[in-house]
Amino acid sequence: MTLTYELKFFDYWHLSSGLSAGAKLDSSVTKDDNQIPYASGKTIKGLAREMAQLLYDDSFVKRCFGEEGIDNGRCYFKNAQLSKIEKEEIISNKLQNHLYDIIASTKIENSIAVDDTLREIEVVVPLTLNGKILDIEKEDYEKLKQSLLMIKRMGLNRNRGLGRCTFIIGEEK
């Protein structure tokens, strides 16, 4: 079976690429070759696994998500991306730079900024991405669906207000 979903972000969000942009940024977001942001299947799988471990038994978790160092599990999580139409419109009009903003923060102690703690991170404006999870066993579909619905925040600084999101599940296939 296949589970389709929309991943709707309500705020700025940052799913890190693990790269910096030299002196300009301390952390940039994950982007495709056309500089369009996306949520990696690996990130979504990790968060869904975390929720599944809270809700369900080990047999479901191992079957769907796998065991670290042993196997990847049966369920295959594709990257969540903008719809093809939105992506083409953004690329053809060269609007990629309008998808991003920069947030700066610094560490404060005793009402004074601590030296060398200014950080700037790239964030993405609120968007809705589309994704799929493939190769789901029929008996696992509802459990996986509920695991996704439990995810309410994604990415960096999610405890500080970034990455509020919801999953909207498509029709069962």
C-alpha atoms as a PDB file:
ATOM      1  CA  MET A   1       0.000   0.000   0.000  1.00  0.00           C
ATOM      2  CA  THR A   2       0.950   3.645  -0.432  1.00  0.00           C
ATOM      3  CA  LEU A   3       0.244   6.478   2.000  1.00  0.00           C
ATOM      4  CA  THR A   4       0.142   9.984   0.497  1.00  0.00           C
ATOM      5  CA  TYR A   5       0.181  13.107   2.622  1.00  0.00           C
ATOM      6  CA  GLU A   6       0.533  16.856   2.694  1.00  0.00           C
ATOM      7  CA  LEU A   7       3.001  18.286   5.184  1.00  0.00           C
ATOM      8  CA  LYS A   8       1.751  21.758   6.048  1.00  0.00           C
ATOM      9  CA  PHE A   9       4.062  24.158   7.870  1.00  0.00           C
ATOM     10  CA  PHE A  10       2.476  27.013   9.844  1.00  0.00           C
ATOM     11  CA  ASP A  11       5.684  28.923  10.669  1.00  0.00           C
ATOM     12  CA  TYR A  12       9.220  29.334   9.464  1.00  0.00           C
ATOM     13  CA  TRP A  13      11.011  25.971   9.434  1.00  0.00           C
ATOM     14  CA  HIS A  14      14.570  24.716   9.146  1.00  0.00           C
ATOM     15  CA  LEU A  15      15.515  21.201   8.104  1.00  0.00           C
ATOM     16  CA  SER A  16      19.273  21.418   8.048  1.00  0.00           C
ATOM     17  CA  SER A  17      21.477  20.484   5.152  1.00  0.00           C
ATOM     18  CA  GLY A  18      24.404  20.242   7.572  1.00  0.00           C
ATOM     19  CA  LEU A  19      26.181  22.959   5.580  1.00  0.00           C
ATOM     20  CA  SER A  20      26.997  26.545   6.371  1.00  0.00           C
ATOM     21  CA  ALA A  21      27.317  29.421   3.940  1.00  0.00           C
ATOM     22  CA  GLY A  22      30.686  30.674   5.092  1.00  0.00           C
ATOM     23  CA  ALA A  23      30.578  34.023   6.888  1.00  0.00           C
ATOM     24  CA  LYS A  24      26.957  34.605   5.846  1.00  0.00           C
ATOM     25  CA  LEU A  25      25.076  31.727   7.528  1.00  0.00           C
ATOM     26  CA  ASP A  26      25.788  29.209  10.246  1.00  0.00           C
ATOM     27  CA  SER A  27      23.231  26.736   8.911  1.00  0.00           C
ATOM     28  CA  SER A  28      21.373  26.442   5.604  1.00  0.00           C
ATOM     29  CA  VAL A  29      18.302  24.371   4.765  1.00  0.00           C
ATOM     30  CA  THR A  30      18.011  21.269   2.602  1.00  0.00           C
ATOM     31  CA  LYS A  31      17.444  22.239  -1.051  1.00  0.00           C
ATOM     32  CA  ASP A  32      17.255  20.403  -4.351  1.00  0.00           C
ATOM     33  CA  ASP A  33      19.320  21.251  -7.455  1.00  0.00           C
ATOM     34  CA  ASN A  34      16.905  24.096  -8.293  1.00  0.00           C
ATOM     35  CA  GLN A  35      17.287  25.680  -4.821  1.00  0.00           C
ATOM     36  CA  ILE A  36      13.790  24.534  -3.768  1.00  0.00           C
ATOM     37  CA  PRO A  37      13.423  23.357  -0.132  1.00  0.00           C
ATOM     38  CA  TYR A  38      12.196  19.861   0.726  1.00  0.00           C
ATOM     39  CA  ALA A  39      11.809  17.563   3.714  1.00  0.00           C
ATOM     40  CA  SER A  40      13.915  14.447   3.359  1.00  0.00           C
ATOM     41  CA  GLY A  41      12.243  11.074   3.645  1.00  0.00           C
ATOM     42  CA  LYS A  42      14.893  10.154   6.200  1.00  0.00           C
ATOM     43  CA  THR A  43      13.841  13.037   8.484  1.00  0.00           C
ATOM     44  CA  ILE A  44      10.155  12.154   8.220  1.00  0.00           C
ATOM     45  CA  LYS A  45      10.917   8.478   8.825  1.00  0.00           C
ATOM     46  CA  GLY A  46      12.875   9.326  11.973  1.00  0.00           C
ATOM     47  CA  LEU A  47      10.106  11.476  13.429  1.00  0.00           C
ATOM     48  CA  ALA A  48       7.402   8.946  12.499  1.00  0.00           C
ATOM     49  CA  ARG A  49       9.482   6.191  14.108  1.00  0.00           C
ATOM     50  CA  GLU A  50       9.787   8.232  17.305  1.00  0.00           C
ATOM     51  CA  MET A  51       5.996   8.589  17.469  1.00  0.00           C
ATOM     52  CA  ALA A  52       5.420   4.917  16.595  1.00  0.00           C
ATOM     53  CA  GLN A  53       7.688   3.848  19.455  1.00  0.00           C
ATOM     54  CA  LEU A  54       5.472   5.820  21.845  1.00  0.00           C
ATOM     55  CA  LEU A  55       2.268   4.277  20.497  1.00  0.00           C
ATOM     56  CA  TYR A  56       2.931   0.727  19.326  1.00  0.00           C
ATOM     57  CA  ASP A  57       4.780  -2.521  19.918  1.00  0.00           C
ATOM     58  CA  ASP A  58       8.275  -3.335  18.685  1.00  0.00           C
ATOM     59  CA  SER A  59       7.073  -5.709  15.961  1.00  0.00           C
ATOM     60  CA  PHE A  60       5.377  -2.889  14.018  1.00  0.00           C
ATOM     61  CA  VAL A  61       8.319  -0.527  14.547  1.00  0.00           C
ATOM     62  CA  LYS A  62      10.870  -3.113  13.380  1.00  0.00           C
ATOM     63  CA  ARG A  63       8.771  -4.215  10.410  1.00  0.00           C
ATOM     64  CA  CYS A  64       8.027  -0.723   9.117  1.00  0.00           C
ATOM     65  CA  PHE A  65      11.118   1.260  10.191  1.00  0.00           C
ATOM     66  CA  GLY A  66      13.772  -1.440  10.525  1.00  0.00           C
ATOM     67  CA  GLU A  67      16.465  -2.011  13.116  1.00  0.00           C
ATOM     68  CA  GLU A  68      19.496   0.251  13.282  1.00  0.00           C
ATOM     69  CA  GLY A  69      22.497  -1.392  11.673  1.00  0.00           C
ATOM     70  CA  ILE A  70      20.492  -4.441  10.573  1.00  0.00           C
ATOM     71  CA  ASP A  71      17.856  -3.403   8.011  1.00  0.00           C
ATOM     72  CA  ASN A  72      15.945  -0.345   6.767  1.00  0.00           C
ATOM     73  CA  GLY A  73      12.443  -1.699   7.333  1.00  0.00           C
ATOM     74  CA  ARG A  74       9.741  -2.351   4.794  1.00  0.00           C
ATOM     75  CA  CYS A  75       8.251   1.160   4.499  1.00  0.00           C
ATOM     76  CA  TYR A  76       9.967   3.480   2.027  1.00  0.00           C
ATOM     77  CA  PHE A  77       9.717   7.213   2.789  1.00  0.00           C
ATOM     78  CA  LYS A  78      10.094   9.483  -0.237  1.00  0.00           C
ATOM     79  CA  ASN A  79      11.127  13.125   0.122  1.00  0.00           C
ATOM     80  CA  ALA A  80       8.272  15.585   0.669  1.00  0.00           C
ATOM     81  CA  GLN A  81       8.355  18.322  -1.969  1.00  0.00           C
ATOM     82  CA  LEU A  82       6.348  21.193  -3.371  1.00  0.00           C
ATOM     83  CA  SER A  83       3.800  20.158  -5.979  1.00  0.00           C
ATOM     84  CA  LYS A  84       5.153  19.940  -9.530  1.00  0.00           C
ATOM     85  CA  ILE A  85       3.059  22.946 -10.620  1.00  0.00           C
ATOM     86  CA  GLU A  86       4.263  25.153  -7.736  1.00  0.00           C
ATOM     87  CA  LYS A  87       7.850  24.111  -8.261  1.00  0.00           C
ATOM     88  CA  GLU A  88       7.747  24.855 -12.009  1.00  0.00           C
ATOM     89  CA  GLU A  89       6.125  28.251 -11.369  1.00  0.00           C
ATOM     90  CA  ILE A  90       8.795  29.211  -8.831  1.00  0.00           C
ATOM     91  CA  ILE A  91      11.642  28.099 -11.085  1.00  0.00           C
ATOM     92  CA  SER A  92      10.282  29.732 -14.261  1.00  0.00           C
ATOM     93  CA  ASN A  93       9.791  33.062 -12.446  1.00  0.00           C
ATOM     94  CA  LYS A  94      13.082  32.795 -10.529  1.00  0.00           C
ATOM     95  CA  LEU A  95      11.356  33.155  -7.155  1.00  0.00           C
ATOM     96  CA  GLN A  96      13.575  30.781  -5.151  1.00  0.00           C
ATOM     97  CA  ASN A  97      15.116  33.558  -3.020  1.00  0.00           C
ATOM     98  CA  HIS A  98      11.649  34.577  -1.813  1.00  0.00           C
ATOM     99  CA  LEU A  99      11.203  31.188  -0.106  1.00  0.00           C
ATOM    100  CA  TYR A 100      13.841  31.946   2.529  1.00  0.00           C
ATOM    101  CA  ASP A 101      14.575  34.321   5.373  1.00  0.00           C
ATOM    102  CA  ILE A 102      17.359  34.579   7.954  1.00  0.00           C
ATOM    103  CA  ILE A 103      16.918  34.474  11.728  1.00  0.00           C
ATOM    104  CA  ALA A 104      19.675  35.678  14.025  1.00  0.00           C
ATOM    105  CA  SER A 105      20.077  34.718  17.676  1.00  0.00           C
ATOM    106  CA  THR A 106      22.694  35.155  20.363  1.00  0.00           C
ATOM    107  CA  LYS A 107      23.315  33.823  23.851  1.00  0.00           C
ATOM    108  CA  ILE A 108      22.435  36.262  26.662  1.00  0.00           C
ATOM    109  CA  GLU A 109      23.889  36.064  30.171  1.00  0.00           C
ATOM    110  CA  ASN A 110      23.094  38.623  32.870  1.00  0.00           C
ATOM    111  CA  SER A 111      21.318  40.774  30.262  1.00  0.00           C
ATOM    112  CA  ILE A 112      24.492  40.980  28.127  1.00  0.00           C
ATOM    113  CA  ALA A 113      25.207  39.269  24.801  1.00  0.00           C
ATOM    114  CA  VAL A 114      28.001  36.702  25.135  1.00  0.00           C
ATOM    115  CA  ASP A 115      30.887  37.293  22.715  1.00  0.00           C
ATOM    116  CA  ASP A 116      31.057  35.062  19.625  1.00  0.00           C
ATOM    117  CA  THR A 117      27.564  33.575  20.087  1.00  0.00           C
ATOM    118  CA  LEU A 118      25.733  35.336  17.243  1.00  0.00           C
ATOM    119  CA  ARG A 119      24.249  32.691  14.949  1.00  0.00           C
ATOM    120  CA  GLU A 120      22.305  33.181  11.747  1.00  0.00           C
ATOM    121  CA  ILE A 121      20.224  30.381  10.313  1.00  0.00           C
ATOM    122  CA  GLU A 122      18.340  30.176   7.066  1.00  0.00           C
ATOM    123  CA  VAL A 123      14.641  29.384   7.418  1.00  0.00           C
ATOM    124  CA  VAL A 124      11.888  28.592   4.927  1.00  0.00           C
ATOM    125  CA  VAL A 125       8.584  30.455   4.766  1.00  0.00           C
ATOM    126  CA  PRO A 126       5.456  28.395   5.582  1.00  0.00           C
ATOM    127  CA  LEU A 127       4.762  25.972   2.716  1.00  0.00           C
ATOM    128  CA  THR A 128       2.850  22.775   2.035  1.00  0.00           C
ATOM    129  CA  LEU A 129       4.880  19.827   0.782  1.00  0.00           C
ATOM    130  CA  ASN A 130       3.611  16.556  -0.698  1.00  0.00           C
ATOM    131  CA  GLY A 131       5.025  13.149   0.143  1.00  0.00           C
ATOM    132  CA  LYS A 132       4.507   9.413  -0.130  1.00  0.00           C
ATOM    133  CA  ILE A 133       5.346   6.349   1.885  1.00  0.00           C
ATOM    134  CA  LEU A 134       5.547   3.168  -0.186  1.00  0.00           C
ATOM    135  CA  ASP A 135       5.436  -0.575   0.494  1.00  0.00           C
ATOM    136  CA  ILE A 136       3.234  -0.429   3.597  1.00  0.00           C
ATOM    137  CA  GLU A 137       1.701  -3.677   4.829  1.00  0.00           C
ATOM    138  CA  LYS A 138      -2.105  -3.447   5.023  1.00  0.00           C
ATOM    139  CA  GLU A 139      -2.121  -4.091   8.782  1.00  0.00           C
ATOM    140  CA  ASP A 140       0.436  -1.286   9.315  1.00  0.00           C
ATOM    141  CA  TYR A 141      -1.334   1.466   7.360  1.00  0.00           C
ATOM    142  CA  GLU A 142      -3.440   2.863  10.236  1.00  0.00           C
ATOM    143  CA  LYS A 143      -0.545   2.689  12.695  1.00  0.00           C
ATOM    144  CA  LEU A 144       1.731   4.577  10.332  1.00  0.00           C
ATOM    145  CA  LYS A 145      -1.005   7.108   9.647  1.00  0.00           C
ATOM    146  CA  GLN A 146      -1.496   7.744  13.389  1.00  0.00           C
ATOM    147  CA  SER A 147       2.271   8.053  13.872  1.00  0.00           C
ATOM    148  CA  LEU A 148       2.434  10.812  11.248  1.00  0.00           C
ATOM    149  CA  LEU A 149      -0.558  12.622  12.729  1.00  0.00           C
ATOM    150  CA  MET A 150       1.266  12.824  16.085  1.00  0.00           C
ATOM    151  CA  ILE A 151       4.101  14.918  14.585  1.00  0.00           C
ATOM    152  CA  LYS A 152       3.490  18.583  15.399  1.00  0.00           C
ATOM    153  CA  ARG A 153       6.962  20.139  14.921  1.00  0.00           C
ATOM    154  CA  MET A 154       9.931  19.427  12.665  1.00  0.00           C
ATOM    155  CA  GLY A 155      13.506  20.612  12.377  1.00  0.00           C
ATOM    156  CA  LEU A 156      15.869  22.937  14.175  1.00  0.00           C
ATOM    157  CA  ASN A 157      14.628  25.103  17.071  1.00  0.00           C
ATOM    158  CA  ARG A 158      11.291  23.324  17.217  1.00  0.00           C
ATOM    159  CA  ASN A 159      11.203  23.994  20.973  1.00  0.00           C
ATOM    160  CA  ARG A 160      11.600  27.701  20.237  1.00  0.00           C
ATOM    161  CA  GLY A 161       8.670  28.076  17.865  1.00  0.00           C
ATOM    162  CA  LEU A 162      10.050  26.967  14.509  1.00  0.00           C
ATOM    163  CA  GLY A 163       8.644  24.123  12.431  1.00  0.00           C
ATOM    164  CA  ARG A 164       5.026  23.920  13.619  1.00  0.00           C
ATOM    165  CA  CYS A 165       3.342  21.554  11.189  1.00  0.00           C
ATOM    166  CA  THR A 166       0.613  19.036  10.561  1.00  0.00           C
ATOM    167  CA  PHE A 167       0.241  16.028   8.318  1.00  0.00           C
ATOM    168  CA  ILE A 168      -2.898  15.766   6.205  1.00  0.00           C
ATOM    169  CA  ILE A 169      -3.351  12.178   5.048  1.00  0.00           C
ATOM    170  CA  GLY A 170      -4.641  11.499   1.527  1.00  0.00           C
ATOM    171  CA  GLU A 171      -7.015   8.766   0.459  1.00  0.00           C
ATOM    172  CA  GLU A 172      -5.967   5.189   1.150  1.00  0.00           C
ATOM    173  CA  LYS A 173      -4.305   3.503  -1.856  1.00  0.00           C
END
